[in-house]
Amino acid sequence: MAFHEDDSRIRSGYAPQNMAVIRHMALNLLSRESSAKVGKKAKRLKAGWDNTYLTTVLASTG
């Protein structure tokens, strides 16, 4: 529960499935990024605080 899914108010239509795909993609990108030797939670927080690191995560190739 890395993204507080239980607190989400997305309940109808295809929105829950779409958000699940987006969350899965985000976790995969964090897993592939290798410049920071920390866990996924720390990487997620760092990407939220540091736009340069966020760009690194989005551009990472593994």
PDB file of N, CA and C in Angstrom:
ATOM      1  N   MET A   1       0.833  -1.175   0.000  1.00  0.00           N
ATOM      2  CA  MET A   1       0.000   0.000   0.000  1.00  0.00           C
ATOM      3  C   MET A   1       0.880   1.242   0.000  1.00  0.00           C
ATOM      4  N   ALA A   2       1.655   1.408  -1.031  1.00  0.00           N
ATOM      5  CA  ALA A   2       2.615   2.502  -1.115  1.00  0.00           C
ATOM      6  C   ALA A   2       1.970   3.845  -1.392  1.00  0.00           C
ATOM      7  N   PHE A   3       0.799   3.854  -1.979  1.00  0.00           N
ATOM      8  CA  PHE A   3       0.170   5.103  -2.391  1.00  0.00           C
ATOM      9  C   PHE A   3      -1.133   5.378  -1.639  1.00  0.00           C
ATOM     10  N   HIS A   4      -1.343   4.760  -0.497  1.00  0.00           N
ATOM     11  CA  HIS A   4      -2.554   4.940   0.321  1.00  0.00           C
ATOM     12  C   HIS A   4      -3.818   4.682  -0.497  1.00  0.00           C
ATOM     13  N   GLU A   5      -3.849   3.550  -1.164  1.00  0.00           N
ATOM     14  CA  GLU A   5      -4.979   3.201  -2.016  1.00  0.00           C
ATOM     15  C   GLU A   5      -6.297   3.151  -1.245  1.00  0.00           C
ATOM     16  N   ASP A   6      -6.246   2.755   0.013  1.00  0.00           N
ATOM     17  CA  ASP A   6      -7.476   2.662   0.803  1.00  0.00           C
ATOM     18  C   ASP A   6      -8.118   4.029   1.031  1.00  0.00           C
ATOM     19  N   ASP A   7      -7.318   5.088   0.994  1.00  0.00           N
ATOM     20  CA  ASP A   7      -7.838   6.438   1.198  1.00  0.00           C
ATOM     21  C   ASP A   7      -8.367   7.056  -0.094  1.00  0.00           C
ATOM     22  N   SER A   8      -8.134   6.401  -1.219  1.00  0.00           N
ATOM     23  CA  SER A   8      -8.548   6.942  -2.515  1.00  0.00           C
ATOM     24  C   SER A   8     -10.062   6.921  -2.650  1.00  0.00           C
ATOM     25  N   ARG A   9     -10.600   7.953  -3.285  1.00  0.00           N
ATOM     26  CA  ARG A   9     -12.044   8.037  -3.493  1.00  0.00           C
ATOM     27  C   ARG A   9     -12.422   7.598  -4.909  1.00  0.00           C
ATOM     28  N   ILE A  10     -11.481   7.050  -5.645  1.00  0.00           N
ATOM     29  CA  ILE A  10     -11.752   6.590  -7.008  1.00  0.00           C
ATOM     30  C   ILE A  10     -12.467   5.251  -6.917  1.00  0.00           C
ATOM     31  N   ARG A  11     -13.729   5.206  -7.341  1.00  0.00           N
ATOM     32  CA  ARG A  11     -14.535   4.008  -7.148  1.00  0.00           C
ATOM     33  C   ARG A  11     -15.321   3.575  -8.376  1.00  0.00           C
ATOM     34  N   SER A  12     -15.527   4.434  -9.373  1.00  0.00           N
ATOM     35  CA  SER A  12     -16.470   4.084 -10.443  1.00  0.00           C
ATOM     36  C   SER A  12     -15.798   4.023 -11.808  1.00  0.00           C
ATOM     37  N   GLY A  13     -16.442   3.319 -12.710  1.00  0.00           N
ATOM     38  CA  GLY A  13     -15.969   3.207 -14.085  1.00  0.00           C
ATOM     39  C   GLY A  13     -14.641   2.482 -14.172  1.00  0.00           C
ATOM     40  N   TYR A  14     -13.825   2.939 -15.106  1.00  0.00           N
ATOM     41  CA  TYR A  14     -12.512   2.337 -15.315  1.00  0.00           C
ATOM     42  C   TYR A  14     -11.423   3.023 -14.502  1.00  0.00           C
ATOM     43  N   ALA A  15     -11.779   4.032 -13.739  1.00  0.00           N
ATOM     44  CA  ALA A  15     -10.790   4.793 -12.981  1.00  0.00           C
ATOM     45  C   ALA A  15      -9.962   3.930 -12.026  1.00  0.00           C
ATOM     46  N   PRO A  16     -10.557   2.995 -11.273  1.00  0.00           N
ATOM     47  CA  PRO A  16      -9.729   2.175 -10.377  1.00  0.00           C
ATOM     48  C   PRO A  16      -8.678   1.349 -11.127  1.00  0.00           C
ATOM     49  N   GLN A  17      -9.066   0.774 -12.263  1.00  0.00           N
ATOM     50  CA  GLN A  17      -8.117  -0.011 -13.048  1.00  0.00           C
ATOM     51  C   GLN A  17      -7.027   0.882 -13.631  1.00  0.00           C
ATOM     52  N   ASN A  18      -7.422   2.060 -14.113  1.00  0.00           N
ATOM     53  CA  ASN A  18      -6.445   2.988 -14.684  1.00  0.00           C
ATOM     54  C   ASN A  18      -5.435   3.431 -13.634  1.00  0.00           C
ATOM     55  N   MET A  19      -5.902   3.739 -12.443  1.00  0.00           N
ATOM     56  CA  MET A  19      -4.993   4.158 -11.377  1.00  0.00           C
ATOM     57  C   MET A  19      -4.090   3.014 -10.938  1.00  0.00           C
ATOM     58  N   ALA A  20      -4.595   1.787 -10.956  1.00  0.00           N
ATOM     59  CA  ALA A  20      -3.762   0.631 -10.613  1.00  0.00           C
ATOM     60  C   ALA A  20      -2.621   0.485 -11.610  1.00  0.00           C
ATOM     61  N   VAL A  21      -2.904   0.701 -12.883  1.00  0.00           N
ATOM     62  CA  VAL A  21      -1.866   0.627 -13.916  1.00  0.00           C
ATOM     63  C   VAL A  21      -0.832   1.729 -13.700  1.00  0.00           C
ATOM     64  N   ILE A  22      -1.285   2.939 -13.416  1.00  0.00           N
ATOM     65  CA  ILE A  22      -0.362   4.059 -13.190  1.00  0.00           C
ATOM     66  C   ILE A  22       0.510   3.801 -11.968  1.00  0.00           C
ATOM     67  N   ARG A  23      -0.080   3.297 -10.880  1.00  0.00           N
ATOM     68  CA  ARG A  23       0.704   2.985  -9.682  1.00  0.00           C
ATOM     69  C   ARG A  23       1.729   1.894  -9.971  1.00  0.00           C
ATOM     70  N   HIS A  24       1.325   0.879 -10.729  1.00  0.00           N
ATOM     71  CA  HIS A  24       2.237  -0.212 -11.078  1.00  0.00           C
ATOM     72  C   HIS A  24       3.407   0.316 -11.909  1.00  0.00           C
ATOM     73  N   MET A  25       3.114   1.182 -12.867  1.00  0.00           N
ATOM     74  CA  MET A  25       4.176   1.768 -13.693  1.00  0.00           C
ATOM     75  C   MET A  25       5.126   2.602 -12.838  1.00  0.00           C
ATOM     76  N   ALA A  26       4.584   3.369 -11.901  1.00  0.00           N
ATOM     77  CA  ALA A  26       5.423   4.198 -11.034  1.00  0.00           C
ATOM     78  C   ALA A  26       6.356   3.330 -10.194  1.00  0.00           C
ATOM     79  N   LEU A  27       5.834   2.255  -9.634  1.00  0.00           N
ATOM     80  CA  LEU A  27       6.676   1.365  -8.832  1.00  0.00           C
ATOM     81  C   LEU A  27       7.733   0.675  -9.683  1.00  0.00           C
ATOM     82  N   ASN A  28       7.392   0.312 -10.916  1.00  0.00           N
ATOM     83  CA  ASN A  28       8.379  -0.290 -11.808  1.00  0.00           C
ATOM     84  C   ASN A  28       9.494   0.692 -12.143  1.00  0.00           C
ATOM     85  N   LEU A  29       9.145   1.950 -12.405  1.00  0.00           N
ATOM     86  CA  LEU A  29      10.165   2.963 -12.686  1.00  0.00           C
ATOM     87  C   LEU A  29      11.081   3.156 -11.484  1.00  0.00           C
ATOM     88  N   LEU A  30      10.510   3.175 -10.289  1.00  0.00           N
ATOM     89  CA  LEU A  30      11.330   3.326  -9.091  1.00  0.00           C
ATOM     90  C   LEU A  30      12.243   2.121  -8.897  1.00  0.00           C
ATOM     91  N   SER A  31      11.769   0.942  -9.232  1.00  0.00           N
ATOM     92  CA  SER A  31      12.588  -0.265  -9.097  1.00  0.00           C
ATOM     93  C   SER A  31      13.761  -0.251 -10.067  1.00  0.00           C
ATOM     94  N   ARG A  32      13.529   0.244 -11.265  1.00  0.00           N
ATOM     95  CA  ARG A  32      14.570   0.256 -12.298  1.00  0.00           C
ATOM     96  C   ARG A  32      15.632   1.314 -12.060  1.00  0.00           C
ATOM     97  N   GLU A  33      15.303   2.383 -11.355  1.00  0.00           N
ATOM     98  CA  GLU A  33      16.242   3.472 -11.123  1.00  0.00           C
ATOM     99  C   GLU A  33      17.300   3.003 -10.138  1.00  0.00           C
ATOM    100  N   SER A  34      18.580   3.155 -10.492  1.00  0.00           N
ATOM    101  CA  SER A  34      19.632   2.556  -9.677  1.00  0.00           C
ATOM    102  C   SER A  34      20.641   3.553  -9.113  1.00  0.00           C
ATOM    103  N   SER A  35      20.445   4.850  -9.271  1.00  0.00           N
ATOM    104  CA  SER A  35      21.436   5.795  -8.750  1.00  0.00           C
ATOM    105  C   SER A  35      21.369   5.915  -7.229  1.00  0.00           C
ATOM    106  N   ALA A  36      20.195   5.760  -6.651  1.00  0.00           N
ATOM    107  CA  ALA A  36      20.046   5.825  -5.194  1.00  0.00           C
ATOM    108  C   ALA A  36      19.896   4.405  -4.650  1.00  0.00           C
ATOM    109  N   LYS A  37      20.740   4.043  -3.718  1.00  0.00           N
ATOM    110  CA  LYS A  37      20.713   2.695  -3.138  1.00  0.00           C
ATOM    111  C   LYS A  37      19.848   2.683  -1.878  1.00  0.00           C
ATOM    112  N   VAL A  38      18.563   2.968  -2.079  1.00  0.00           N
ATOM    113  CA  VAL A  38      17.599   2.986  -0.975  1.00  0.00           C
ATOM    114  C   VAL A  38      16.354   2.239  -1.428  1.00  0.00           C
ATOM    115  N   GLY A  39      15.397   2.092  -0.552  1.00  0.00           N
ATOM    116  CA  GLY A  39      14.163   1.383  -0.866  1.00  0.00           C
ATOM    117  C   GLY A  39      13.217   2.197  -1.733  1.00  0.00           C
ATOM    118  N   LYS A  40      12.147   1.524  -2.170  1.00  0.00           N
ATOM    119  CA  LYS A  40      11.160   2.180  -3.033  1.00  0.00           C
ATOM    120  C   LYS A  40      10.486   3.353  -2.341  1.00  0.00           C
ATOM    121  N   LYS A  41      10.201   3.206  -1.052  1.00  0.00           N
ATOM    122  CA  LYS A  41       9.532   4.281  -0.330  1.00  0.00           C
ATOM    123  C   LYS A  41      10.415   5.526  -0.298  1.00  0.00           C
ATOM    124  N   ALA A  42      11.687   5.354  -0.007  1.00  0.00           N
ATOM    125  CA  ALA A  42      12.607   6.494   0.033  1.00  0.00           C
ATOM    126  C   ALA A  42      12.765   7.117  -1.353  1.00  0.00           C
ATOM    127  N   LYS A  43      12.808   6.277  -2.383  1.00  0.00           N
ATOM    128  CA  LYS A  43      12.902   6.800  -3.747  1.00  0.00           C
ATOM    129  C   LYS A  43      11.657   7.595  -4.108  1.00  0.00           C
ATOM    130  N   ARG A  44      10.491   7.093  -3.709  1.00  0.00           N
ATOM    131  CA  ARG A  44       9.233   7.785  -4.001  1.00  0.00           C
ATOM    132  C   ARG A  44       9.203   9.146  -3.315  1.00  0.00           C
ATOM    133  N   LEU A  45       9.625   9.194  -2.054  1.00  0.00           N
ATOM    134  CA  LEU A  45       9.658  10.457  -1.329  1.00  0.00           C
ATOM    135  C   LEU A  45      10.663  11.420  -1.949  1.00  0.00           C
ATOM    136  N   LYS A  46      11.836  10.903  -2.304  1.00  0.00           N
ATOM    137  CA  LYS A  46      12.867  11.749  -2.911  1.00  0.00           C
ATOM    138  C   LYS A  46      12.388  12.316  -4.242  1.00  0.00           C
ATOM    139  N   ALA A  47      11.699  11.511  -5.034  1.00  0.00           N
ATOM    140  CA  ALA A  47      11.168  11.984  -6.317  1.00  0.00           C
ATOM    141  C   ALA A  47      10.117  13.066  -6.103  1.00  0.00           C
ATOM    142  N   GLY A  48       9.383  12.991  -5.010  1.00  0.00           N
ATOM    143  CA  GLY A  48       8.399  14.021  -4.698  1.00  0.00           C
ATOM    144  C   GLY A  48       9.028  15.327  -4.245  1.00  0.00           C
ATOM    145  N   TRP A  49      10.203  15.246  -3.656  1.00  0.00           N
ATOM    146  CA  TRP A  49      10.873  16.439  -3.135  1.00  0.00           C
ATOM    147  C   TRP A  49      11.822  17.073  -4.137  1.00  0.00           C
ATOM    148  N   ASP A  50      12.419  16.260  -5.013  1.00  0.00           N
ATOM    149  CA  ASP A  50      13.513  16.723  -5.869  1.00  0.00           C
ATOM    150  C   ASP A  50      13.152  16.505  -7.336  1.00  0.00           C
ATOM    151  N   ASN A  51      12.885  17.592  -8.058  1.00  0.00           N
ATOM    152  CA  ASN A  51      12.492  17.475  -9.465  1.00  0.00           C
ATOM    153  C   ASN A  51      13.598  16.895 -10.333  1.00  0.00           C
ATOM    154  N   THR A  52      14.854  17.151  -9.981  1.00  0.00           N
ATOM    155  CA  THR A  52      15.967  16.582 -10.737  1.00  0.00           C
ATOM    156  C   THR A  52      15.970  15.062 -10.607  1.00  0.00           C
ATOM    157  N   TYR A  53      15.750  14.571  -9.400  1.00  0.00           N
ATOM    158  CA  TYR A  53      15.689  13.123  -9.192  1.00  0.00           C
ATOM    159  C   TYR A  53      14.468  12.529  -9.891  1.00  0.00           C
ATOM    160  N   LEU A  54      13.342  13.231  -9.859  1.00  0.00           N
ATOM    161  CA  LEU A  54      12.143  12.769 -10.561  1.00  0.00           C
ATOM    162  C   LEU A  54      12.432  12.607 -12.046  1.00  0.00           C
ATOM    163  N   THR A  55      13.133  13.573 -12.633  1.00  0.00           N
ATOM    164  CA  THR A  55      13.516  13.484 -14.043  1.00  0.00           C
ATOM    165  C   THR A  55      14.423  12.284 -14.275  1.00  0.00           C
ATOM    166  N   THR A  56      15.336  12.022 -13.347  1.00  0.00           N
ATOM    167  CA  THR A  56      16.221  10.857 -13.446  1.00  0.00           C
ATOM    168  C   THR A  56      15.414   9.566 -13.430  1.00  0.00           C
ATOM    169  N   VAL A  57      14.437   9.482 -12.547  1.00  0.00           N
ATOM    170  CA  VAL A  57      13.594   8.280 -12.456  1.00  0.00           C
ATOM    171  C   VAL A  57      12.815   8.084 -13.750  1.00  0.00           C
ATOM    172  N   LEU A  58      12.225   9.161 -14.258  1.00  0.00           N
ATOM    173  CA  LEU A  58      11.416   9.050 -15.475  1.00  0.00           C
ATOM    174  C   LEU A  58      12.256   8.716 -16.700  1.00  0.00           C
ATOM    175  N   ALA A  59      13.528   9.117 -16.695  1.00  0.00           N
ATOM    176  CA  ALA A  59      14.397   8.877 -17.843  1.00  0.00           C
ATOM    177  C   ALA A  59      15.270   7.638 -17.677  1.00  0.00           C
ATOM    178  N   SER A  60      15.168   6.945 -16.547  1.00  0.00           N
ATOM    179  CA  SER A  60      16.052   5.803 -16.286  1.00  0.00           C
ATOM    180  C   SER A  60      15.789   4.668 -17.267  1.00  0.00           C
ATOM    181  N   THR A  61      16.884   4.016 -17.636  1.00  0.00           N
ATOM    182  CA  THR A  61      16.778   2.877 -18.548  1.00  0.00           C
ATOM    183  C   THR A  61      17.227   1.599 -17.879  1.00  0.00           C
ATOM    184  N   GLY A  62      17.560   1.658 -16.611  1.00  0.00           N
ATOM    185  CA  GLY A  62      17.883   0.444 -15.893  1.00  0.00           C
ATOM    186  C   GLY A  62      19.245   0.316 -15.411  1.00  0.00           C
TER     187      GLY A  62
END
